[in-house]
Amino acid sequence: MDESKDVPKDFIKLKSEKLSVDEVSELVISPCCGAVSLFIGTTRNNFEGKKVIRLEYEAYTSMAEMEIKKICRDVRQKWPSVKHIAVHHRLGVVPITEASVIIAVSSPHRAESLEAVTYCINTLKAFVPIWKKEIYEDEYSWKENKECFWANSEK
């Protein structure tokens, strides 16, 4: 790959189809980077003693994409060596063990990409208008992220 054509890019996608770790990690690979860090958030089968059947996500899509772009800009200010950033989030039904969110960041060295991935997921959960509903055997619950600033400000 011609390094001059390898300009930093942000890959943001909200979709109802199954997410692919391979697809997301390949988006951020760069010949000038020695690190690709990934976060994969998956649906687990339990929460506080309740059996989880599946998750369902809804989003204010245009605002969510705008907030994720802000997160990418913040990452580039905090870690200027970061090359590419990918944030893919699934909407709709997400079965047990499948990915709800995949975040990938490439950088020349691991410290920056690891820190940037952590920042991305924590900030996404706090500010991006994506809502999660946990479906149990006999009930459901809309879940609030403990990081979510607007939910915590009302308490």
Protein backbone atom coordinates (compact mmCIF):
# COMPACT_ATOMS: atom_id res chain seq x y z
CA MET A 1 0.00 0.00 0.00
CA ASP A 2 1.28 3.47 -0.88
CA GLU A 3 1.73 5.14 2.50
CA SER A 4 0.87 8.57 1.07
CA LYS A 5 -2.61 7.24 0.24
CA ASP A 6 -3.01 5.83 3.75
CA VAL A 7 -4.52 9.00 5.26
CA PRO A 8 -6.24 8.66 8.65
CA LYS A 9 -9.85 7.51 8.30
CA ASP A 10 -12.84 6.98 10.54
CA PHE A 11 -15.20 4.12 9.72
CA ILE A 12 -18.57 4.51 11.47
CA LYS A 13 -21.47 2.16 10.87
CA LEU A 14 -24.76 1.48 12.61
CA LYS A 15 -26.48 -1.54 11.10
CA SER A 16 -28.96 -4.30 11.83
CA GLU A 17 -26.85 -7.08 10.30
CA LYS A 18 -24.36 -9.23 12.21
CA LEU A 19 -21.05 -7.45 12.87
CA SER A 20 -17.76 -8.90 11.63
CA VAL A 21 -14.58 -8.68 13.69
CA ASP A 22 -12.51 -9.47 10.58
CA GLU A 23 -14.18 -6.70 8.57
CA VAL A 24 -13.70 -4.09 11.30
CA SER A 25 -10.09 -5.00 12.06
CA GLU A 26 -9.17 -5.01 8.35
CA LEU A 27 -10.51 -1.47 7.98
CA VAL A 28 -7.90 -0.07 10.37
CA ILE A 29 -4.80 -2.02 9.33
CA SER A 30 -2.03 0.25 8.09
CA PRO A 31 1.54 -0.45 6.95
CA CYS A 32 2.85 2.28 9.27
CA CYS A 33 1.15 0.85 12.36
CA GLY A 34 2.36 -1.93 14.60
CA ALA A 35 -0.79 -2.09 16.71
CA VAL A 36 -4.46 -2.75 16.13
CA SER A 37 -6.53 -2.80 19.31
CA LEU A 38 -10.09 -4.14 19.39
CA PHE A 39 -13.00 -3.99 21.78
CA ILE A 40 -15.86 -6.40 21.14
CA GLY A 41 -18.98 -6.05 23.26
CA THR A 42 -21.11 -9.20 23.12
CA THR A 43 -24.51 -10.23 24.43
CA ARG A 44 -24.18 -12.32 27.57
CA ASN A 45 -26.83 -14.79 28.75
CA ASN A 46 -27.37 -13.32 32.23
CA PHE A 47 -27.75 -10.11 34.22
CA GLU A 48 -28.08 -9.94 38.01
CA GLY A 49 -29.37 -13.51 38.24
CA LYS A 50 -31.84 -13.18 35.36
CA LYS A 51 -31.58 -15.24 32.20
CA VAL A 52 -31.10 -12.92 29.22
CA ILE A 53 -32.70 -14.19 25.99
CA ARG A 54 -31.44 -11.42 23.68
CA LEU A 55 -30.73 -7.69 23.47
CA GLU A 56 -32.46 -5.14 21.28
CA TYR A 57 -30.89 -1.79 20.38
CA GLU A 58 -32.48 1.41 19.12
CA ALA A 59 -30.70 4.60 18.14
CA TYR A 60 -31.26 8.15 17.07
CA THR A 61 -29.09 7.27 14.09
CA SER A 62 -28.08 10.67 12.71
CA MET A 63 -27.25 12.01 16.16
CA ALA A 64 -25.45 8.78 17.13
CA GLU A 65 -23.25 9.01 14.03
CA MET A 66 -22.51 12.67 14.78
CA GLU A 67 -21.54 11.85 18.39
CA ILE A 68 -19.29 8.99 17.25
CA LYS A 69 -17.55 11.40 14.81
CA LYS A 70 -16.92 13.72 17.78
CA ILE A 71 -15.40 10.80 19.70
CA CYS A 72 -13.08 10.10 16.75
CA ARG A 73 -12.02 13.77 16.66
CA ASP A 74 -11.34 13.67 20.41
CA VAL A 75 -9.24 10.52 20.01
CA ARG A 76 -7.12 12.20 17.34
CA GLN A 77 -6.53 15.20 19.61
CA LYS A 78 -5.59 13.04 22.61
CA TRP A 79 -3.53 10.49 20.65
CA PRO A 80 -2.19 12.19 17.48
CA SER A 81 -0.40 9.05 16.34
CA VAL A 82 -3.69 7.11 15.91
CA LYS A 83 -4.13 6.20 12.25
CA HIS A 84 -7.56 4.65 11.66
CA ILE A 85 -10.63 4.27 13.86
CA ALA A 86 -13.61 1.97 13.24
CA VAL A 87 -16.78 1.97 15.33
CA HIS A 88 -19.52 -0.44 14.27
CA HIS A 89 -22.66 -0.82 16.40
CA ARG A 90 -25.48 -3.22 15.79
CA LEU A 91 -29.11 -2.14 15.97
CA GLY A 92 -32.18 -4.31 16.40
CA VAL A 93 -31.98 -7.82 17.83
CA VAL A 94 -28.59 -9.11 19.01
CA PRO A 95 -28.63 -12.80 20.05
CA ILE A 96 -26.54 -14.26 22.87
CA THR A 97 -22.77 -14.36 22.08
CA GLU A 98 -23.05 -12.02 19.08
CA ALA A 99 -21.35 -8.61 18.97
CA SER A 100 -23.29 -5.46 19.76
CA VAL A 101 -20.33 -3.17 19.21
CA ILE A 102 -16.85 -3.53 17.71
CA ILE A 103 -14.27 -0.78 18.00
CA ALA A 104 -10.85 -0.96 16.35
CA VAL A 105 -7.99 1.53 16.45
CA SER A 106 -4.59 1.38 14.74
CA SER A 107 -1.48 3.24 15.82
CA PRO A 108 2.30 2.84 15.53
CA HIS A 109 2.53 1.51 19.11
CA ARG A 110 0.14 -0.42 21.36
CA ALA A 111 -0.24 2.07 24.23
CA GLU A 112 -2.03 4.65 22.09
CA SER A 113 -4.38 2.19 20.42
CA LEU A 114 -5.28 0.48 23.71
CA GLU A 115 -5.96 3.80 25.44
CA ALA A 116 -7.95 5.09 22.45
CA VAL A 117 -10.15 1.97 22.31
CA THR A 118 -10.92 2.29 26.03
CA TYR A 119 -11.75 5.97 25.59
CA CYS A 120 -14.00 5.18 22.59
CA ILE A 121 -16.17 2.59 24.33
CA ASN A 122 -16.46 4.55 27.58
CA THR A 123 -17.36 7.76 25.78
CA LEU A 124 -19.77 5.99 23.41
CA LYS A 125 -21.66 4.52 26.37
CA ALA A 126 -21.78 7.94 28.07
CA PHE A 127 -22.83 10.18 25.18
CA VAL A 128 -24.13 8.33 22.11
CA PRO A 129 -27.93 8.00 21.86
CA ILE A 130 -28.14 4.23 21.52
CA TRP A 131 -30.55 2.43 23.85
CA LYS A 132 -30.42 -1.19 24.96
CA LYS A 133 -33.37 -3.37 25.93
CA GLU A 134 -32.61 -6.65 27.73
CA ILE A 135 -35.14 -9.35 27.03
CA TYR A 136 -35.49 -11.95 29.81
CA GLU A 137 -37.60 -15.12 29.94
CA ASP A 138 -40.73 -13.37 31.24
CA GLU A 139 -40.01 -9.62 31.13
CA TYR A 140 -37.76 -6.95 29.63
CA SER A 141 -35.86 -3.94 30.85
CA TRP A 142 -34.49 -0.84 29.14
CA LYS A 143 -30.92 -0.62 30.40
CA GLU A 144 -29.15 2.52 31.45
CA ASN A 145 -25.39 2.74 31.04
CA LYS A 146 -23.76 3.72 34.31
CA GLU A 147 -21.58 6.06 32.24
CA CYS A 148 -24.56 7.80 30.64
CA PHE A 149 -24.39 11.47 31.61
CA TRP A 150 -28.06 12.37 30.97
CA ALA A 151 -29.42 9.43 32.96
CA ASN A 152 -27.17 10.16 35.94
CA SER A 153 -27.91 13.90 35.96
CA GLU A 154 -31.58 13.27 36.78
CA LYS A 155 -30.82 11.34 39.96
